[in-house]
């Protein structure tokens, strides 16, 4: 009798193992089907993915958008762009003005940020321009939009006043040595007045 139980037990274990595998495959298939149905159609061979619309950033945007424009001291223009994530591929900006395309070289503003700075020739505020953003390595167009530059921040160089030097003497009559002392400034009253109770 014990020899009859062993083959029957092996059949039960094999049957339960096959049933567990089939159930696991069914659950995985259902989950994948539901994910694909919620995301819509994915990329397919022979079809282009839609190009994102490029516009000004609004609030807490998590997409590719333009933050601001700056005028550089040497006369060029700087375009500040926000990318969807920190580790976004390197990009290239092209601005089309009446059929003339200007290329703007882009670089990270800071190492671990989603801000990118693009520099190129100046543009005239108020005109409708076409902006295109390409992935640098692949040359793939990822976003485009038409809008006008509504304002440009002008960069001003910081001027530091020179330090003045005053002669110093020693009590022994040793040669004088000049030491730089910072320029004095008169304090301006703050508002509200600090002596105010």
C-alpha atoms as a PDB file:
ATOM      1  CA  UNK A   1       0.000   0.000   0.000  1.00  0.00           C
ATOM      2  CA  UNK A   2       2.735   2.547   0.755  1.00  0.00           C
ATOM      3  CA  UNK A   3       4.084   2.112  -2.795  1.00  0.00           C
ATOM      4  CA  UNK A   4       0.653   3.155  -4.264  1.00  0.00           C
ATOM      5  CA  UNK A   5       0.545   6.384  -2.240  1.00  0.00           C
ATOM      6  CA  UNK A   6       3.913   7.687  -3.503  1.00  0.00           C
ATOM      7  CA  UNK A   7       2.977   7.919  -7.252  1.00  0.00           C
ATOM      8  CA  UNK A   8      -0.397   9.414  -6.387  1.00  0.00           C
ATOM      9  CA  UNK A   9       1.258  12.049  -4.183  1.00  0.00           C
ATOM     10  CA  UNK A  10       3.700  12.951  -6.980  1.00  0.00           C
ATOM     11  CA  UNK A  11       0.770  13.460  -9.387  1.00  0.00           C
ATOM     12  CA  UNK A  12      -0.921  15.814  -6.926  1.00  0.00           C
ATOM     13  CA  UNK A  13       2.258  17.872  -6.478  1.00  0.00           C
ATOM     14  CA  UNK A  14       2.804  18.058 -10.250  1.00  0.00           C
ATOM     15  CA  UNK A  15      -0.839  19.019 -10.846  1.00  0.00           C
ATOM     16  CA  UNK A  16      -0.796  21.733  -8.176  1.00  0.00           C
ATOM     17  CA  UNK A  17       2.491  23.130  -9.529  1.00  0.00           C
ATOM     18  CA  UNK A  18       1.086  23.367 -13.058  1.00  0.00           C
ATOM     19  CA  UNK A  19      -2.112  24.992 -11.750  1.00  0.00           C
ATOM     20  CA  UNK A  20      -0.078  27.567  -9.762  1.00  0.00           C
ATOM     21  CA  UNK A  21       1.976  28.464 -12.863  1.00  0.00           C
ATOM     22  CA  UNK A  22      -1.145  28.831 -15.021  1.00  0.00           C
ATOM     23  CA  UNK A  23      -2.819  31.059 -12.397  1.00  0.00           C
ATOM     24  CA  UNK A  24       0.317  33.197 -12.073  1.00  0.00           C
ATOM     25  CA  UNK A  25       0.507  33.667 -15.865  1.00  0.00           C
ATOM     26  CA  UNK A  26      -3.187  34.588 -15.974  1.00  0.00           C
ATOM     27  CA  UNK A  27      -2.781  37.237 -13.242  1.00  0.00           C
ATOM     28  CA  UNK A  28       0.287  38.748 -14.952  1.00  0.00           C
ATOM     29  CA  UNK A  29      -1.541  38.829 -18.314  1.00  0.00           C
ATOM     30  CA  UNK A  30      -4.569  40.565 -16.805  1.00  0.00           C
ATOM     31  CA  UNK A  31      -2.404  43.190 -15.066  1.00  0.00           C
ATOM     32  CA  UNK A  32      -0.454  43.942 -18.259  1.00  0.00           C
ATOM     33  CA  UNK A  33      -3.672  44.145 -20.279  1.00  0.00           C
ATOM     34  CA  UNK A  34      -5.217  46.631 -17.848  1.00  0.00           C
ATOM     35  CA  UNK A  35      -2.065  48.796 -17.819  1.00  0.00           C
ATOM     36  CA  UNK A  36      -1.924  48.973 -21.621  1.00  0.00           C
ATOM     37  CA  UNK A  37      -5.627  49.761 -21.855  1.00  0.00           C
ATOM     38  CA  UNK A  38      -5.298  52.683 -19.384  1.00  0.00           C
ATOM     39  CA  UNK A  39      -2.214  54.160 -21.083  1.00  0.00           C
ATOM     40  CA  UNK A  40      -3.717  54.109 -24.555  1.00  0.00           C
ATOM     41  CA  UNK A  41      -1.887  52.920 -27.634  1.00  0.00           C
ATOM     42  CA  UNK A  42       1.871  52.855 -27.213  1.00  0.00           C
ATOM     43  CA  UNK A  43       4.520  53.376 -29.849  1.00  0.00           C
ATOM     44  CA  UNK A  44       4.059  51.256 -32.929  1.00  0.00           C
ATOM     45  CA  UNK A  45       6.299  50.496 -35.884  1.00  0.00           C
ATOM     46  CA  UNK A  46       5.664  52.914 -38.735  1.00  0.00           C
ATOM     47  CA  UNK A  47       3.976  55.567 -36.547  1.00  0.00           C
ATOM     48  CA  UNK A  48       5.440  58.725 -35.007  1.00  0.00           C
ATOM     49  CA  UNK A  49       4.782  59.538 -31.397  1.00  0.00           C
ATOM     50  CA  UNK A  50       2.990  62.856 -30.896  1.00  0.00           C
ATOM     51  CA  UNK A  51       5.216  65.895 -30.389  1.00  0.00           C
ATOM     52  CA  UNK A  52       4.707  67.732 -27.113  1.00  0.00           C
ATOM     53  CA  UNK A  53       3.520  71.323 -27.191  1.00  0.00           C
ATOM     54  CA  UNK A  54       6.163  73.796 -26.030  1.00  0.00           C
ATOM     55  CA  UNK A  55       4.862  76.783 -24.061  1.00  0.00           C
ATOM     56  CA  UNK A  56       5.646  78.970 -21.074  1.00  0.00           C
ATOM     57  CA  UNK A  57       5.845  77.127 -17.735  1.00  0.00           C
ATOM     58  CA  UNK A  58       2.817  77.481 -15.505  1.00  0.00           C
ATOM     59  CA  UNK A  59       2.996  76.670 -11.796  1.00  0.00           C
ATOM     60  CA  UNK A  60       4.390  73.231 -11.077  1.00  0.00           C
ATOM     61  CA  UNK A  61       4.676  71.972 -14.670  1.00  0.00           C
ATOM     62  CA  UNK A  62       6.296  68.567 -15.054  1.00  0.00           C
ATOM     63  CA  UNK A  63       6.815  68.830 -18.797  1.00  0.00           C
ATOM     64  CA  UNK A  64       9.235  70.513 -21.172  1.00  0.00           C
ATOM     65  CA  UNK A  65       8.511  74.265 -21.013  1.00  0.00           C
ATOM     66  CA  UNK A  66      10.139  77.706 -21.259  1.00  0.00           C
ATOM     67  CA  UNK A  67      10.782  79.502 -17.963  1.00  0.00           C
ATOM     68  CA  UNK A  68      12.211  82.857 -19.102  1.00  0.00           C
ATOM     69  CA  UNK A  69      14.430  84.817 -21.485  1.00  0.00           C
ATOM     70  CA  UNK A  70      17.533  86.852 -20.603  1.00  0.00           C
ATOM     71  CA  UNK A  71      19.606  89.336 -22.576  1.00  0.00           C
ATOM     72  CA  UNK A  72      23.314  88.509 -22.208  1.00  0.00           C
ATOM     73  CA  UNK A  73      25.831  91.334 -21.719  1.00  0.00           C
ATOM     74  CA  UNK A  74      27.581  90.580 -25.050  1.00  0.00           C
ATOM     75  CA  UNK A  75      24.283  90.972 -26.915  1.00  0.00           C
ATOM     76  CA  UNK A  76      23.129  87.355 -27.229  1.00  0.00           C
ATOM     77  CA  UNK A  77      19.968  85.859 -25.774  1.00  0.00           C
ATOM     78  CA  UNK A  78      19.560  83.183 -23.120  1.00  0.00           C
ATOM     79  CA  UNK A  79      16.509  80.899 -22.977  1.00  0.00           C
ATOM     80  CA  UNK A  80      15.821  79.110 -19.676  1.00  0.00           C
ATOM     81  CA  UNK A  81      14.042  75.783 -20.171  1.00  0.00           C
ATOM     82  CA  UNK A  82      12.608  73.333 -17.634  1.00  0.00           C
ATOM     83  CA  UNK A  83      12.885  69.631 -18.446  1.00  0.00           C
ATOM     84  CA  UNK A  84      10.474  66.948 -17.172  1.00  0.00           C
ATOM     85  CA  UNK A  85      13.140  65.283 -15.012  1.00  0.00           C
ATOM     86  CA  UNK A  86      16.680  65.815 -13.760  1.00  0.00           C
ATOM     87  CA  UNK A  87      18.326  63.173 -15.958  1.00  0.00           C
ATOM     88  CA  UNK A  88      16.855  64.356 -19.268  1.00  0.00           C
ATOM     89  CA  UNK A  89      18.837  63.849 -22.498  1.00  0.00           C
ATOM     90  CA  UNK A  90      20.848  66.805 -23.808  1.00  0.00           C
ATOM     91  CA  UNK A  91      18.753  69.135 -25.961  1.00  0.00           C
ATOM     92  CA  UNK A  92      19.173  71.697 -28.708  1.00  0.00           C
ATOM     93  CA  UNK A  93      16.813  74.677 -29.232  1.00  0.00           C
ATOM     94  CA  UNK A  94      15.997  76.072 -32.674  1.00  0.00           C
ATOM     95  CA  UNK A  95      14.030  79.329 -33.039  1.00  0.00           C
ATOM     96  CA  UNK A  96      12.494  80.113 -36.430  1.00  0.00           C
ATOM     97  CA  UNK A  97      11.827  83.800 -37.210  1.00  0.00           C
ATOM     98  CA  UNK A  98      10.302  84.443 -40.656  1.00  0.00           C
ATOM     99  CA  UNK A  99      11.966  81.337 -42.107  1.00  0.00           C
ATOM    100  CA  UNK A 100      15.412  82.021 -40.628  1.00  0.00           C
ATOM    101  CA  UNK A 101      16.422  79.371 -38.092  1.00  0.00           C
ATOM    102  CA  UNK A 102      18.723  80.237 -35.175  1.00  0.00           C
ATOM    103  CA  UNK A 103      20.332  77.417 -33.197  1.00  0.00           C
ATOM    104  CA  UNK A 104      20.799  77.752 -29.439  1.00  0.00           C
ATOM    105  CA  UNK A 105      23.367  75.567 -27.668  1.00  0.00           C
ATOM    106  CA  UNK A 106      21.931  74.182 -24.410  1.00  0.00           C
ATOM    107  CA  UNK A 107      23.618  73.069 -21.173  1.00  0.00           C
ATOM    108  CA  UNK A 108      22.524  72.222 -17.636  1.00  0.00           C
ATOM    109  CA  UNK A 109      22.089  75.307 -15.425  1.00  0.00           C
ATOM    110  CA  UNK A 110      23.340  73.316 -12.409  1.00  0.00           C
ATOM    111  CA  UNK A 111      24.416  69.663 -12.109  1.00  0.00           C
ATOM    112  CA  UNK A 112      21.383  68.122 -10.375  1.00  0.00           C
ATOM    113  CA  UNK A 113      18.520  70.277 -11.593  1.00  0.00           C
ATOM    114  CA  UNK A 114      15.902  70.082 -14.299  1.00  0.00           C
ATOM    115  CA  UNK A 115      16.808  73.564 -15.603  1.00  0.00           C
ATOM    116  CA  UNK A 116      18.606  74.004 -18.917  1.00  0.00           C
ATOM    117  CA  UNK A 117      20.142  77.219 -20.280  1.00  0.00           C
ATOM    118  CA  UNK A 118      20.293  77.761 -24.063  1.00  0.00           C
ATOM    119  CA  UNK A 119      22.335  80.596 -25.593  1.00  0.00           C
ATOM    120  CA  UNK A 120      22.202  82.048 -29.082  1.00  0.00           C
ATOM    121  CA  UNK A 121      21.498  85.151 -31.151  1.00  0.00           C
ATOM    122  CA  UNK A 122      19.092  87.830 -29.852  1.00  0.00           C
ATOM    123  CA  UNK A 123      15.423  87.883 -30.863  1.00  0.00           C
ATOM    124  CA  UNK A 124      12.914  90.734 -30.917  1.00  0.00           C
ATOM    125  CA  UNK A 125      10.277  90.669 -28.162  1.00  0.00           C
ATOM    126  CA  UNK A 126       6.650  90.719 -29.273  1.00  0.00           C
ATOM    127  CA  UNK A 127       7.065  88.812 -32.553  1.00  0.00           C
ATOM    128  CA  UNK A 128       5.523  85.374 -33.023  1.00  0.00           C
ATOM    129  CA  UNK A 129       8.374  82.867 -33.195  1.00  0.00           C
ATOM    130  CA  UNK A 130       8.440  79.101 -33.697  1.00  0.00           C
ATOM    131  CA  UNK A 131      10.395  77.188 -31.046  1.00  0.00           C
ATOM    132  CA  UNK A 132      11.608  73.613 -31.597  1.00  0.00           C
ATOM    133  CA  UNK A 133      13.429  71.412 -29.084  1.00  0.00           C
ATOM    134  CA  UNK A 134      15.502  68.481 -30.377  1.00  0.00           C
ATOM    135  CA  UNK A 135      17.326  65.693 -28.556  1.00  0.00           C
ATOM    136  CA  UNK A 136      20.955  66.466 -29.360  1.00  0.00           C
ATOM    137  CA  UNK A 137      22.263  62.902 -29.913  1.00  0.00           C
ATOM    138  CA  UNK A 138      19.298  61.514 -31.873  1.00  0.00           C
ATOM    139  CA  UNK A 139      18.210  64.725 -33.623  1.00  0.00           C
ATOM    140  CA  UNK A 140      14.613  63.856 -32.710  1.00  0.00           C
ATOM    141  CA  UNK A 141      12.068  66.662 -32.430  1.00  0.00           C
ATOM    142  CA  UNK A 142      10.471  66.363 -28.969  1.00  0.00           C
ATOM    143  CA  UNK A 143       8.541  69.632 -28.585  1.00  0.00           C
ATOM    144  CA  UNK A 144       7.515  72.666 -30.574  1.00  0.00           C
ATOM    145  CA  UNK A 145       5.350  75.724 -30.204  1.00  0.00           C
ATOM    146  CA  UNK A 146       4.608  79.180 -31.603  1.00  0.00           C
ATOM    147  CA  UNK A 147       4.430  82.151 -29.261  1.00  0.00           C
ATOM    148  CA  UNK A 148       5.973  85.548 -28.683  1.00  0.00           C
ATOM    149  CA  UNK A 149       8.661  86.561 -26.240  1.00  0.00           C
ATOM    150  CA  UNK A 150       6.738  88.655 -23.730  1.00  0.00           C
ATOM    151  CA  UNK A 151       9.731  90.004 -21.849  1.00  0.00           C
ATOM    152  CA  UNK A 152      13.501  89.741 -21.606  1.00  0.00           C
ATOM    153  CA  UNK A 153      15.448  90.166 -18.378  1.00  0.00           C
ATOM    154  CA  UNK A 154      18.586  92.205 -18.965  1.00  0.00           C
ATOM    155  CA  UNK A 155      21.732  91.002 -17.240  1.00  0.00           C
ATOM    156  CA  UNK A 156      23.783  93.756 -15.639  1.00  0.00           C
ATOM    157  CA  UNK A 157      27.404  93.202 -14.677  1.00  0.00           C
ATOM    158  CA  UNK A 158      28.115  93.580 -10.962  1.00  0.00           C
ATOM    159  CA  UNK A 159      30.460  96.490 -10.219  1.00  0.00           C
ATOM    160  CA  UNK A 160      32.543  96.204  -7.035  1.00  0.00           C
ATOM    161  CA  UNK A 161      33.978  99.508  -5.748  1.00  0.00           C
ATOM    162  CA  UNK A 162      37.778  99.489  -5.521  1.00  0.00           C
ATOM    163  CA  UNK A 163      39.398  99.341  -2.089  1.00  0.00           C
ATOM    164  CA  UNK A 164      41.370 102.412  -0.977  1.00  0.00           C
ATOM    165  CA  UNK A 165      44.845 102.163   0.528  1.00  0.00           C
ATOM    166  CA  UNK A 166      46.054 104.136   3.539  1.00  0.00           C
ATOM    167  CA  UNK A 167      49.693 104.455   4.657  1.00  0.00           C
ATOM    168  CA  UNK A 168      50.640 102.992   8.031  1.00  0.00           C
ATOM    169  CA  UNK A 169      53.682 103.737  10.165  1.00  0.00           C
ATOM    170  CA  UNK A 170      55.337 101.901  13.011  1.00  0.00           C
ATOM    171  CA  UNK A 171      56.487 103.552  16.287  1.00  0.00           C
ATOM    172  CA  UNK A 172      60.140 102.691  15.524  1.00  0.00           C
ATOM    173  CA  UNK A 173      60.164 104.691  12.320  1.00  0.00           C
ATOM    174  CA  UNK A 174      60.392 101.615  10.083  1.00  0.00           C
ATOM    175  CA  UNK A 175      59.492 102.003   6.438  1.00  0.00           C
ATOM    176  CA  UNK A 176      55.800 102.502   5.797  1.00  0.00           C
ATOM    177  CA  UNK A 177      53.748  99.753   4.287  1.00  0.00           C
ATOM    178  CA  UNK A 178      50.441 100.285   2.550  1.00  0.00           C
ATOM    179  CA  UNK A 179      47.559  98.029   3.554  1.00  0.00           C
ATOM    180  CA  UNK A 180      44.260  98.002   1.691  1.00  0.00           C
ATOM    181  CA  UNK A 181      41.221  99.067   3.671  1.00  0.00           C
ATOM    182  CA  UNK A 182      37.691  98.709   2.372  1.00  0.00           C
ATOM    183  CA  UNK A 183      35.864 101.824   1.251  1.00  0.00           C
ATOM    184  CA  UNK A 184      33.661 103.248   3.984  1.00  0.00           C
ATOM    185  CA  UNK A 185      30.011 103.710   3.412  1.00  0.00           C
ATOM    186  CA  UNK A 186      27.531 105.578   5.510  1.00  0.00           C
ATOM    187  CA  UNK A 187      24.723 103.398   6.786  1.00  0.00           C
ATOM    188  CA  UNK A 188      21.321 104.308   5.493  1.00  0.00           C
ATOM    189  CA  UNK A 189      18.389 104.249   7.873  1.00  0.00           C
ATOM    190  CA  UNK A 190      16.343 101.128   7.641  1.00  0.00           C
ATOM    191  CA  UNK A 191      12.577 100.952   7.675  1.00  0.00           C
ATOM    192  CA  UNK A 192      11.129 100.693  10.231  1.00  0.00           C
ATOM    193  CA  UNK A 193      13.619 102.726  12.216  1.00  0.00           C
ATOM    194  CA  UNK A 194      15.653 100.424  14.523  1.00  0.00           C
ATOM    195  CA  UNK A 195      15.194 102.825  17.451  1.00  0.00           C
ATOM    196  CA  UNK A 196      11.448 102.439  17.147  1.00  0.00           C
ATOM    197  CA  UNK A 197      10.122 100.624  20.268  1.00  0.00           C
END
